Protein backbone atom coordinates (compact mmCIF):
# COMPACT_ATOMS: atom_id res chain seq x y z
CA UNK A 1 -61.63 -188.59 -45.15
CA UNK A 2 -62.68 -190.43 -42.00
CA UNK A 3 -62.14 -193.80 -43.70
CA UNK A 4 -58.60 -192.79 -44.60
CA UNK A 5 -57.85 -191.91 -40.96
CA UNK A 6 -59.24 -195.25 -39.79
CA UNK A 7 -57.17 -197.11 -42.37
CA UNK A 8 -54.05 -195.16 -41.42
CA UNK A 9 -54.62 -195.89 -37.70
CA UNK A 10 -55.08 -199.61 -38.40
CA UNK A 11 -51.92 -199.75 -40.48
CA UNK A 12 -49.96 -197.84 -37.82
CA UNK A 13 -51.18 -200.26 -35.13
CA UNK A 14 -50.17 -203.25 -37.22
CA UNK A 15 -46.71 -201.78 -37.87
CA UNK A 16 -46.25 -201.20 -34.12
CA UNK A 17 -47.29 -204.79 -33.37
CA UNK A 18 -44.87 -206.15 -35.97
CA UNK A 19 -41.98 -204.07 -34.59
CA UNK A 20 -42.77 -205.13 -31.02
CA UNK A 21 -42.93 -208.80 -32.04
CA UNK A 22 -39.57 -208.47 -33.79
CA UNK A 23 -37.98 -206.95 -30.67
CA UNK A 24 -39.45 -209.62 -28.37
CA UNK A 25 -38.09 -212.49 -30.46
CA UNK A 26 -35.67 -214.60 -28.36
CA UNK A 27 -32.03 -214.35 -29.30
CA UNK A 28 -29.22 -216.91 -29.03
CA UNK A 29 -28.11 -215.79 -25.57
CA UNK A 30 -31.55 -216.07 -23.99
CA UNK A 31 -32.10 -219.47 -25.59
CA UNK A 32 -28.71 -220.65 -24.28
CA UNK A 33 -29.61 -219.51 -20.76
CA UNK A 34 -32.93 -221.34 -20.94
CA UNK A 35 -31.27 -224.53 -22.17
CA UNK A 36 -28.55 -224.41 -19.52
CA UNK A 37 -31.12 -223.96 -16.74
CA UNK A 38 -33.01 -226.99 -18.07
CA UNK A 39 -29.80 -229.02 -18.05
CA UNK A 40 -29.02 -227.96 -14.49
CA UNK A 41 -32.44 -228.83 -13.07
CA UNK A 42 -32.19 -232.22 -14.82
CA UNK A 43 -28.63 -233.14 -13.89
CA UNK A 44 -28.38 -231.91 -10.30
CA UNK A 45 -30.82 -234.48 -8.80
CA UNK A 46 -29.17 -237.26 -10.82
CA UNK A 47 -25.67 -236.35 -9.65
CA UNK A 48 -26.86 -235.91 -6.05
CA UNK A 49 -28.59 -239.32 -6.17
CA UNK A 50 -25.47 -241.00 -7.55
CA UNK A 51 -23.21 -239.36 -4.99
CA UNK A 52 -25.47 -240.17 -2.02
CA UNK A 53 -26.05 -243.73 -3.25
CA UNK A 54 -22.33 -244.34 -3.72
CA UNK A 55 -21.64 -242.98 -0.24
CA UNK A 56 -24.34 -245.19 1.31
CA UNK A 57 -23.05 -248.25 -0.56
CA UNK A 58 -19.57 -247.51 0.74
CA UNK A 59 -20.89 -247.68 4.29
CA UNK A 60 -22.05 -251.28 3.72
CA UNK A 61 -19.51 -254.11 3.87
CA UNK A 62 -18.84 -255.92 0.62
CA UNK A 63 -19.68 -254.89 -2.91
CA UNK A 64 -23.12 -253.35 -3.24
CA UNK A 65 -24.79 -251.09 -5.77
CA UNK A 66 -28.28 -251.23 -4.31
CA UNK A 67 -28.38 -247.63 -3.05
CA UNK A 68 -26.55 -246.22 -6.05
CA UNK A 69 -28.97 -247.68 -8.58
CA UNK A 70 -32.03 -246.88 -6.47
CA UNK A 71 -31.08 -243.26 -5.91
CA UNK A 72 -30.02 -242.91 -9.55
CA UNK A 73 -33.56 -243.87 -10.56
CA UNK A 74 -35.03 -241.46 -7.99
CA UNK A 75 -32.73 -238.69 -9.30
CA UNK A 76 -33.86 -239.31 -12.88
CA UNK A 77 -37.53 -239.16 -11.88
CA UNK A 78 -37.00 -235.94 -9.90
CA UNK A 79 -34.98 -234.41 -12.76
CA UNK A 80 -37.67 -235.18 -15.32
CA UNK A 81 -40.34 -233.73 -13.03
CA UNK A 82 -38.22 -230.59 -12.52
CA UNK A 83 -37.93 -230.08 -16.27
CA UNK A 84 -41.63 -230.71 -16.76
CA UNK A 85 -42.65 -228.16 -14.13
CA UNK A 86 -40.11 -225.61 -15.43
CA UNK A 87 -41.40 -225.90 -18.99
CA UNK A 88 -45.04 -225.97 -17.87
CA UNK A 89 -44.80 -222.49 -16.29
């Protein structure tokens, strides 16, 4: 009799765990939000670097892309680090 109660309790606990795991499974909306936040933290430093570099190159006489390319590279590095630290947590 006691063995049957133990078995029933174990089965009930496993059923509860399975139902909870099924409810906690990510859906399409939550995955889309996660992906869009990753895209934003990657693209914002790149766009800011391009914009600032283009503006600084416009301040210099003649044709120059020195600041644009340099700050593009810095923006890419910062964007990759942002994604890494976001995924790491």
